[in-house]
Amino acid sequence: MNNRKILNASRLAIRLAEEKRRVKTVVFTNGVYDLVHAGHITLLEKSKRLGDLLVVGINTDASAKRLKGPKRPLANQKDRALVLAALEAVDFVTFFGEDTPYELLQKLKPDVLVKGGDYAADRIVGRDIIKKVVRIPLVKGRSTSNLIAKILKAYGK
C-alpha cells in the first residue's frame, strides 16, 4: 500500500496545514472512483493544474453502497485508493464514510473544490465553506455506468 499518499483524514489535515503554511494551494475532489476510466483521469489531471496539491476523497465501501446500490462498489476501498495513489496527478488519497464529503471538507480546508460538470453549481456540497469551486466538463461517453453496461452487454447472460 502506498502509505505516502494514502492517509486518514486526521493525519492528512495536519499534513495539509503544514503545506498551506508553505503557501501551497490545496485542491480537493471526491467520488467513488470505481473502475477508474479516461473521464476520471481527465478530471484529476485538470484538477491538479488548479493548485499545488491534489487531494482525492473517496467514498468508503459502505458509503459507495448506499449511494450506488447493493452491487457497488466493484472494487473495494483499499484497491480504489491504491489505483488513485498510483496516478501522477494525485498527491493524497483519503476516505470518507458519510454520503457527502462535507465533514471531510471542514476538516481538510482545501483552497479549491472541484466537481464534474454534471453537478449544478448550487448543488455542490461544500460550496458554502470553500472559497473557490470549479466545475470541470465531463468527457462524453466516459462513465463507470457506461463501462459497466458495456461489460454486461459483452459478457452478461
N, C-alpha and C. Protein backbone atom coordinates (compact mmCIF):
# COMPACT_ATOMS: atom_id res chain seq x y z
N MET A 1 0.85 -1.18 0.00
CA MET A 1 0.00 0.00 0.00
C MET A 1 0.89 1.24 0.00
N ASN A 2 0.51 2.22 -0.79
CA ASN A 2 1.30 3.45 -0.91
C ASN A 2 0.96 4.38 0.26
N ASN A 3 1.54 4.10 1.43
CA ASN A 3 1.22 4.87 2.64
C ASN A 3 1.60 6.33 2.54
N ARG A 4 2.53 6.64 1.66
CA ARG A 4 2.98 8.02 1.49
C ARG A 4 1.84 8.91 1.00
N LYS A 5 0.96 8.37 0.19
CA LYS A 5 -0.14 9.15 -0.39
C LYS A 5 -1.50 8.88 0.26
N ILE A 6 -1.68 7.72 0.85
CA ILE A 6 -2.97 7.34 1.42
C ILE A 6 -2.93 7.58 2.93
N LEU A 7 -3.72 8.58 3.37
CA LEU A 7 -3.71 8.97 4.78
C LEU A 7 -5.13 9.07 5.31
N ASN A 8 -5.29 8.81 6.60
CA ASN A 8 -6.62 9.04 7.17
C ASN A 8 -6.82 10.56 7.28
N ALA A 9 -8.04 10.97 7.47
CA ALA A 9 -8.39 12.40 7.43
C ALA A 9 -7.64 13.22 8.47
N SER A 10 -7.46 12.68 9.66
CA SER A 10 -6.78 13.44 10.72
C SER A 10 -5.32 13.68 10.38
N ARG A 11 -4.63 12.65 9.95
CA ARG A 11 -3.21 12.81 9.55
C ARG A 11 -3.09 13.73 8.35
N LEU A 12 -4.01 13.59 7.41
CA LEU A 12 -3.97 14.43 6.21
C LEU A 12 -4.21 15.90 6.56
N ALA A 13 -5.13 16.17 7.48
CA ALA A 13 -5.40 17.56 7.88
C ALA A 13 -4.14 18.21 8.44
N ILE A 14 -3.38 17.48 9.23
CA ILE A 14 -2.13 18.01 9.79
C ILE A 14 -1.13 18.27 8.67
N ARG A 15 -1.01 17.33 7.76
CA ARG A 15 -0.07 17.48 6.64
C ARG A 15 -0.43 18.66 5.76
N LEU A 16 -1.72 18.82 5.46
CA LEU A 16 -2.15 19.93 4.61
C LEU A 16 -1.95 21.27 5.29
N ALA A 17 -2.15 21.33 6.59
CA ALA A 17 -1.91 22.59 7.32
C ALA A 17 -0.44 22.99 7.19
N GLU A 18 0.45 22.01 7.26
CA GLU A 18 1.89 22.27 7.08
C GLU A 18 2.16 22.80 5.67
N GLU A 19 1.57 22.17 4.69
CA GLU A 19 1.77 22.56 3.29
C GLU A 19 1.22 23.96 3.02
N LYS A 20 0.09 24.28 3.63
CA LYS A 20 -0.50 25.61 3.44
C LYS A 20 0.36 26.70 4.06
N ARG A 21 1.05 26.37 5.13
CA ARG A 21 1.99 27.33 5.72
C ARG A 21 3.14 27.62 4.75
N ARG A 22 3.41 26.67 3.86
CA ARG A 22 4.43 26.86 2.82
C ARG A 22 3.81 27.50 1.57
N VAL A 23 2.62 28.02 1.71
CA VAL A 23 1.87 28.71 0.66
C VAL A 23 1.56 27.78 -0.52
N LYS A 24 1.17 26.56 -0.20
CA LYS A 24 0.74 25.61 -1.22
C LYS A 24 -0.77 25.71 -1.35
N THR A 25 -1.25 25.66 -2.59
CA THR A 25 -2.68 25.67 -2.86
C THR A 25 -3.16 24.22 -2.90
N VAL A 26 -4.17 23.91 -2.08
CA VAL A 26 -4.70 22.56 -1.98
C VAL A 26 -6.02 22.47 -2.76
N VAL A 27 -6.06 21.53 -3.68
CA VAL A 27 -7.25 21.26 -4.50
C VAL A 27 -7.84 19.94 -4.01
N PHE A 28 -9.16 19.88 -3.94
CA PHE A 28 -9.86 18.69 -3.46
C PHE A 28 -10.94 18.29 -4.45
N THR A 29 -11.04 16.99 -4.70
CA THR A 29 -12.18 16.44 -5.42
C THR A 29 -12.52 15.12 -4.76
N ASN A 30 -13.68 14.61 -5.07
CA ASN A 30 -14.11 13.37 -4.42
C ASN A 30 -15.00 12.54 -5.32
N GLY A 31 -15.14 11.29 -4.95
CA GLY A 31 -16.02 10.39 -5.67
C GLY A 31 -15.80 8.96 -5.24
N VAL A 32 -16.50 8.06 -5.89
CA VAL A 32 -16.36 6.63 -5.60
C VAL A 32 -15.11 6.09 -6.31
N TYR A 33 -14.89 6.51 -7.53
CA TYR A 33 -13.74 6.07 -8.35
C TYR A 33 -13.69 4.56 -8.48
N ASP A 34 -14.84 3.99 -8.82
CA ASP A 34 -14.98 2.57 -9.07
C ASP A 34 -14.73 2.36 -10.57
N LEU A 35 -13.83 1.50 -10.93
CA LEU A 35 -13.42 1.31 -12.33
C LEU A 35 -12.93 2.64 -12.92
N VAL A 36 -11.77 3.05 -12.52
CA VAL A 36 -11.20 4.32 -12.99
C VAL A 36 -11.07 4.28 -14.51
N HIS A 37 -11.54 5.34 -15.17
CA HIS A 37 -11.57 5.41 -16.63
C HIS A 37 -11.03 6.76 -17.10
N ALA A 38 -11.02 6.95 -18.41
CA ALA A 38 -10.45 8.17 -19.01
C ALA A 38 -11.13 9.44 -18.52
N GLY A 39 -12.41 9.39 -18.23
CA GLY A 39 -13.10 10.56 -17.70
C GLY A 39 -12.55 10.95 -16.34
N HIS A 40 -12.31 9.96 -15.49
CA HIS A 40 -11.71 10.23 -14.18
C HIS A 40 -10.32 10.84 -14.34
N ILE A 41 -9.52 10.25 -15.22
CA ILE A 41 -8.14 10.72 -15.41
C ILE A 41 -8.14 12.18 -15.88
N THR A 42 -9.02 12.50 -16.81
CA THR A 42 -9.11 13.88 -17.32
C THR A 42 -9.48 14.83 -16.20
N LEU A 43 -10.47 14.48 -15.38
CA LEU A 43 -10.87 15.33 -14.26
C LEU A 43 -9.73 15.51 -13.28
N LEU A 44 -9.03 14.44 -12.96
CA LEU A 44 -7.94 14.54 -11.99
C LEU A 44 -6.77 15.38 -12.52
N GLU A 45 -6.43 15.19 -13.78
CA GLU A 45 -5.33 15.98 -14.35
C GLU A 45 -5.68 17.46 -14.43
N LYS A 46 -6.90 17.78 -14.81
CA LYS A 46 -7.33 19.18 -14.86
C LYS A 46 -7.41 19.78 -13.45
N SER A 47 -7.84 18.96 -12.50
CA SER A 47 -7.92 19.42 -11.11
C SER A 47 -6.52 19.76 -10.59
N LYS A 48 -5.55 18.92 -10.88
CA LYS A 48 -4.19 19.13 -10.40
C LYS A 48 -3.63 20.47 -10.89
N ARG A 49 -4.00 20.87 -12.10
CA ARG A 49 -3.50 22.13 -12.67
C ARG A 49 -4.03 23.36 -11.94
N LEU A 50 -5.02 23.20 -11.09
CA LEU A 50 -5.62 24.32 -10.37
C LEU A 50 -4.88 24.67 -9.08
N GLY A 51 -3.86 23.90 -8.73
CA GLY A 51 -3.13 24.17 -7.49
C GLY A 51 -1.84 23.40 -7.41
N ASP A 52 -1.31 23.32 -6.21
CA ASP A 52 -0.04 22.63 -5.98
C ASP A 52 -0.22 21.17 -5.57
N LEU A 53 -1.26 20.91 -4.79
CA LEU A 53 -1.51 19.57 -4.27
C LEU A 53 -2.95 19.15 -4.57
N LEU A 54 -3.10 17.92 -5.04
CA LEU A 54 -4.44 17.39 -5.31
C LEU A 54 -4.76 16.29 -4.30
N VAL A 55 -5.85 16.50 -3.58
CA VAL A 55 -6.37 15.54 -2.62
C VAL A 55 -7.63 14.92 -3.20
N VAL A 56 -7.71 13.59 -3.17
CA VAL A 56 -8.91 12.90 -3.63
C VAL A 56 -9.54 12.19 -2.43
N GLY A 57 -10.77 12.56 -2.14
CA GLY A 57 -11.55 11.89 -1.11
C GLY A 57 -12.39 10.81 -1.77
N ILE A 58 -12.26 9.57 -1.29
CA ILE A 58 -13.08 8.51 -1.88
C ILE A 58 -14.06 7.97 -0.85
N ASN A 59 -15.24 7.65 -1.35
CA ASN A 59 -16.27 7.06 -0.51
C ASN A 59 -15.80 5.70 -0.01
N THR A 60 -16.03 5.43 1.26
CA THR A 60 -15.76 4.08 1.78
C THR A 60 -16.70 3.11 1.08
N ASP A 61 -16.44 1.83 1.25
CA ASP A 61 -17.30 0.82 0.63
C ASP A 61 -18.76 0.97 1.08
N ALA A 62 -18.97 1.19 2.38
CA ALA A 62 -20.34 1.34 2.90
C ALA A 62 -21.02 2.57 2.30
N SER A 63 -20.30 3.67 2.21
CA SER A 63 -20.85 4.89 1.64
C SER A 63 -21.18 4.70 0.16
N ALA A 64 -20.27 4.06 -0.58
CA ALA A 64 -20.50 3.81 -2.01
C ALA A 64 -21.72 2.93 -2.22
N LYS A 65 -21.88 1.94 -1.39
CA LYS A 65 -23.03 1.03 -1.48
C LYS A 65 -24.34 1.79 -1.26
N ARG A 66 -24.35 2.69 -0.28
CA ARG A 66 -25.57 3.49 -0.02
C ARG A 66 -25.89 4.39 -1.22
N LEU A 67 -24.86 4.95 -1.83
CA LEU A 67 -25.08 5.88 -2.95
C LEU A 67 -25.35 5.20 -4.28
N LYS A 68 -24.65 4.10 -4.55
CA LYS A 68 -24.69 3.47 -5.87
C LYS A 68 -25.52 2.19 -5.94
N GLY A 69 -25.89 1.66 -4.78
CA GLY A 69 -26.70 0.44 -4.76
C GLY A 69 -25.92 -0.75 -4.25
N PRO A 70 -26.64 -1.86 -4.00
CA PRO A 70 -26.05 -3.02 -3.32
C PRO A 70 -24.96 -3.76 -4.11
N LYS A 71 -24.88 -3.55 -5.41
CA LYS A 71 -23.87 -4.24 -6.21
C LYS A 71 -22.57 -3.45 -6.36
N ARG A 72 -22.53 -2.28 -5.78
CA ARG A 72 -21.34 -1.43 -5.87
C ARG A 72 -20.77 -1.20 -4.48
N PRO A 73 -19.52 -0.88 -4.35
CA PRO A 73 -18.56 -0.73 -5.43
C PRO A 73 -18.07 -2.09 -5.93
N LEU A 74 -17.54 -2.08 -7.13
CA LEU A 74 -16.98 -3.30 -7.70
C LEU A 74 -15.60 -3.58 -7.12
N ALA A 75 -14.85 -2.53 -6.87
CA ALA A 75 -13.52 -2.64 -6.25
C ALA A 75 -13.62 -2.10 -4.83
N ASN A 76 -12.93 -2.77 -3.90
CA ASN A 76 -13.01 -2.29 -2.51
C ASN A 76 -12.21 -1.01 -2.33
N GLN A 77 -12.44 -0.34 -1.20
CA GLN A 77 -11.85 0.99 -0.98
C GLN A 77 -10.33 0.95 -0.97
N LYS A 78 -9.73 -0.09 -0.45
CA LYS A 78 -8.27 -0.19 -0.45
C LYS A 78 -7.74 -0.24 -1.88
N ASP A 79 -8.37 -1.06 -2.71
CA ASP A 79 -7.93 -1.17 -4.11
C ASP A 79 -8.15 0.14 -4.86
N ARG A 80 -9.29 0.79 -4.62
CA ARG A 80 -9.56 2.06 -5.30
C ARG A 80 -8.55 3.12 -4.88
N ALA A 81 -8.19 3.12 -3.60
CA ALA A 81 -7.19 4.08 -3.10
C ALA A 81 -5.82 3.81 -3.73
N LEU A 82 -5.44 2.55 -3.83
CA LEU A 82 -4.15 2.21 -4.43
C LEU A 82 -4.07 2.66 -5.89
N VAL A 83 -5.14 2.46 -6.63
CA VAL A 83 -5.16 2.89 -8.04
C VAL A 83 -5.00 4.40 -8.12
N LEU A 84 -5.75 5.14 -7.33
CA LEU A 84 -5.66 6.60 -7.36
C LEU A 84 -4.29 7.09 -6.91
N ALA A 85 -3.74 6.48 -5.87
CA ALA A 85 -2.43 6.89 -5.35
C ALA A 85 -1.32 6.65 -6.38
N ALA A 86 -1.53 5.73 -7.28
CA ALA A 86 -0.52 5.44 -8.31
C ALA A 86 -0.48 6.49 -9.41
N LEU A 87 -1.50 7.34 -9.48
CA LEU A 87 -1.57 8.35 -10.53
C LEU A 87 -0.68 9.54 -10.21
N GLU A 88 0.03 10.01 -11.21
CA GLU A 88 0.95 11.14 -11.04
C GLU A 88 0.23 12.40 -10.55
N ALA A 89 -0.97 12.64 -11.03
CA ALA A 89 -1.69 13.87 -10.69
C ALA A 89 -2.15 13.91 -9.24
N VAL A 90 -2.26 12.77 -8.61
CA VAL A 90 -2.82 12.68 -7.25
C VAL A 90 -1.71 12.73 -6.21
N ASP A 91 -1.84 13.67 -5.27
CA ASP A 91 -0.85 13.80 -4.19
C ASP A 91 -1.25 13.05 -2.94
N PHE A 92 -2.55 13.06 -2.62
CA PHE A 92 -3.04 12.38 -1.42
C PHE A 92 -4.41 11.78 -1.68
N VAL A 93 -4.68 10.66 -1.00
CA VAL A 93 -5.97 9.99 -1.06
C VAL A 93 -6.42 9.78 0.39
N THR A 94 -7.70 10.04 0.63
CA THR A 94 -8.27 9.77 1.94
C THR A 94 -9.69 9.25 1.76
N PHE A 95 -10.29 8.82 2.83
CA PHE A 95 -11.62 8.22 2.78
C PHE A 95 -12.63 9.05 3.56
N PHE A 96 -13.90 8.92 3.17
CA PHE A 96 -14.99 9.46 3.99
C PHE A 96 -16.15 8.48 3.94
N GLY A 97 -16.78 8.27 5.10
CA GLY A 97 -17.83 7.28 5.20
C GLY A 97 -19.24 7.85 5.15
N GLU A 98 -19.32 9.17 5.15
CA GLU A 98 -20.64 9.80 5.06
C GLU A 98 -21.10 9.80 3.60
N ASP A 99 -22.34 10.19 3.36
CA ASP A 99 -22.84 10.24 1.99
C ASP A 99 -22.25 11.41 1.21
N THR A 100 -21.80 12.44 1.91
CA THR A 100 -21.16 13.59 1.25
C THR A 100 -19.83 13.87 1.95
N PRO A 101 -18.94 14.61 1.30
CA PRO A 101 -17.65 14.91 1.91
C PRO A 101 -17.66 16.17 2.78
N TYR A 102 -18.83 16.64 3.20
CA TYR A 102 -18.91 17.91 3.91
C TYR A 102 -18.02 17.95 5.16
N GLU A 103 -18.12 16.92 5.99
CA GLU A 103 -17.30 16.89 7.21
C GLU A 103 -15.81 16.84 6.88
N LEU A 104 -15.46 16.09 5.85
CA LEU A 104 -14.07 15.99 5.41
C LEU A 104 -13.56 17.34 4.92
N LEU A 105 -14.39 18.06 4.16
CA LEU A 105 -14.01 19.39 3.69
C LEU A 105 -13.78 20.34 4.86
N GLN A 106 -14.63 20.26 5.87
CA GLN A 106 -14.46 21.11 7.06
C GLN A 106 -13.12 20.82 7.75
N LYS A 107 -12.74 19.56 7.76
CA LYS A 107 -11.51 19.16 8.43
C LYS A 107 -10.27 19.52 7.61
N LEU A 108 -10.32 19.30 6.29
CA LEU A 108 -9.13 19.49 5.44
C LEU A 108 -8.93 20.94 4.99
N LYS A 109 -10.02 21.69 4.87
CA LYS A 109 -9.96 23.10 4.48
C LYS A 109 -9.17 23.35 3.18
N PRO A 110 -9.54 22.68 2.09
CA PRO A 110 -8.83 22.93 0.83
C PRO A 110 -9.12 24.34 0.30
N ASP A 111 -8.29 24.79 -0.60
CA ASP A 111 -8.47 26.12 -1.21
C ASP A 111 -9.43 26.07 -2.39
N VAL A 112 -9.44 24.92 -3.09
CA VAL A 112 -10.25 24.77 -4.30
C VAL A 112 -11.01 23.45 -4.20
N LEU A 113 -12.28 23.50 -4.56
CA LEU A 113 -13.13 22.31 -4.61
C LEU A 113 -13.51 22.07 -6.07
N VAL A 114 -13.27 20.86 -6.56
CA VAL A 114 -13.56 20.53 -7.96
C VAL A 114 -14.62 19.44 -8.02
N LYS A 115 -15.58 19.63 -8.92
CA LYS A 115 -16.60 18.62 -9.21
C LYS A 115 -16.77 18.53 -10.71
N GLY A 116 -17.35 17.43 -11.15
CA GLY A 116 -17.65 17.25 -12.56
C GLY A 116 -18.75 18.18 -13.01
N GLY A 117 -18.78 18.47 -14.29
CA GLY A 117 -19.75 19.39 -14.86
C GLY A 117 -21.19 18.94 -14.76
N ASP A 118 -21.41 17.69 -14.38
CA ASP A 118 -22.79 17.21 -14.22
C ASP A 118 -23.42 17.70 -12.92
N TYR A 119 -22.63 18.30 -12.05
CA TYR A 119 -23.15 18.86 -10.81
C TYR A 119 -23.57 20.30 -11.02
N ALA A 120 -24.81 20.63 -10.71
CA ALA A 120 -25.27 22.02 -10.75
C ALA A 120 -24.53 22.78 -9.67
N ALA A 121 -24.10 23.98 -9.97
CA ALA A 121 -23.30 24.77 -9.03
C ALA A 121 -23.96 24.90 -7.66
N ASP A 122 -25.28 25.08 -7.65
CA ASP A 122 -25.98 25.27 -6.37
C ASP A 122 -26.22 23.97 -5.61
N ARG A 123 -25.79 22.85 -6.19
CA ARG A 123 -25.97 21.54 -5.54
C ARG A 123 -24.64 20.93 -5.08
N ILE A 124 -23.55 21.67 -5.24
CA ILE A 124 -22.24 21.15 -4.86
C ILE A 124 -22.06 21.26 -3.36
N VAL A 125 -21.87 20.12 -2.72
CA VAL A 125 -21.67 20.07 -1.28
C VAL A 125 -20.32 20.70 -0.94
N GLY A 126 -20.34 21.66 -0.04
CA GLY A 126 -19.12 22.34 0.39
C GLY A 126 -18.94 23.71 -0.21
N ARG A 127 -19.81 24.09 -1.13
CA ARG A 127 -19.67 25.40 -1.79
C ARG A 127 -19.78 26.56 -0.80
N ASP A 128 -20.41 26.29 0.35
CA ASP A 128 -20.57 27.34 1.37
C ASP A 128 -19.33 27.52 2.24
N ILE A 129 -18.39 26.57 2.20
CA ILE A 129 -17.21 26.67 3.06
C ILE A 129 -15.88 26.77 2.30
N ILE A 130 -15.91 26.49 1.00
CA ILE A 130 -14.68 26.54 0.20
C ILE A 130 -14.71 27.80 -0.66
N LYS A 131 -13.61 28.55 -0.66
CA LYS A 131 -13.54 29.83 -1.37
C LYS A 131 -13.78 29.70 -2.87
N LYS A 132 -13.17 28.71 -3.48
CA LYS A 132 -13.23 28.59 -4.93
C LYS A 132 -13.78 27.22 -5.31
N VAL A 133 -14.84 27.20 -6.11
CA VAL A 133 -15.43 25.95 -6.60
C VAL A 133 -15.33 25.96 -8.12
N VAL A 134 -14.82 24.86 -8.67
CA VAL A 134 -14.64 24.74 -10.12
C VAL A 134 -15.36 23.49 -10.61
N ARG A 135 -16.13 23.66 -11.68
CA ARG A 135 -16.79 22.53 -12.33
C ARG A 135 -16.03 22.23 -13.62
N ILE A 136 -15.66 20.97 -13.80
CA ILE A 136 -14.92 20.55 -15.00
C ILE A 136 -15.85 19.71 -15.86
N PRO A 137 -15.98 20.07 -17.15
CA PRO A 137 -16.88 19.32 -18.03
C PRO A 137 -16.52 17.83 -18.09
N LEU A 138 -17.55 17.01 -18.16
CA LEU A 138 -17.35 15.57 -18.28
C LEU A 138 -16.82 15.22 -19.66
N VAL A 139 -16.14 14.09 -19.75
CA VAL A 139 -15.70 13.56 -21.03
C VAL A 139 -16.86 12.73 -21.56
N LYS A 140 -17.39 13.13 -22.70
CA LYS A 140 -18.59 12.50 -23.25
C LYS A 140 -18.43 10.98 -23.39
N GLY A 141 -19.42 10.27 -22.90
CA GLY A 141 -19.45 8.82 -23.03
C GLY A 141 -18.54 8.06 -22.08
N ARG A 142 -17.86 8.77 -21.22
CA ARG A 142 -16.93 8.12 -20.28
C ARG A 142 -17.51 8.18 -18.87
N SER A 143 -18.06 7.07 -18.42
CA SER A 143 -18.57 6.99 -17.06
C SER A 143 -18.50 5.54 -16.61
N THR A 144 -18.48 5.34 -15.30
CA THR A 144 -18.45 3.99 -14.77
C THR A 144 -19.72 3.25 -15.16
N SER A 145 -20.86 3.95 -15.13
CA SER A 145 -22.12 3.30 -15.51
C SER A 145 -22.09 2.82 -16.95
N ASN A 146 -21.54 3.64 -17.85
CA ASN A 146 -21.42 3.23 -19.26
C ASN A 146 -20.49 2.03 -19.40
N LEU A 147 -19.40 2.04 -18.65
CA LEU A 147 -18.44 0.94 -18.70
C LEU A 147 -19.07 -0.35 -18.19
N ILE A 148 -19.81 -0.28 -17.11
CA ILE A 148 -20.48 -1.47 -16.58
C ILE A 148 -21.49 -2.00 -17.59
N ALA A 149 -22.26 -1.10 -18.21
CA ALA A 149 -23.24 -1.52 -19.22
C ALA A 149 -22.55 -2.22 -20.40
N LYS A 150 -21.42 -1.69 -20.82
CA LYS A 150 -20.66 -2.29 -21.93
C LYS A 150 -20.16 -3.67 -21.57
N ILE A 151 -19.65 -3.82 -20.35
CA ILE A 151 -19.17 -5.13 -19.89
C ILE A 151 -20.32 -6.13 -19.83
N LEU A 152 -21.46 -5.70 -19.29
CA LEU A 152 -22.62 -6.60 -19.21
C LEU A 152 -23.11 -7.01 -20.59
N LYS A 153 -23.09 -6.08 -21.52
CA LYS A 153 -23.53 -6.40 -22.89
C LYS A 153 -22.59 -7.42 -23.53
N ALA A 154 -21.30 -7.24 -23.30
CA ALA A 154 -20.32 -8.14 -23.91
C ALA A 154 -20.23 -9.48 -23.21
N TYR A 155 -20.38 -9.51 -21.89
CA TYR A 155 -20.13 -10.72 -21.14
C TYR A 155 -21.30 -11.20 -20.29
N GLY A 156 -22.37 -10.41 -20.23
CA GLY A 156 -23.51 -10.77 -19.40
C GLY A 156 -24.30 -11.93 -19.96
N LYS A 157 -25.19 -12.42 -19.14
CA LYS A 157 -26.02 -13.55 -19.55
C LYS A 157 -27.31 -13.07 -20.15
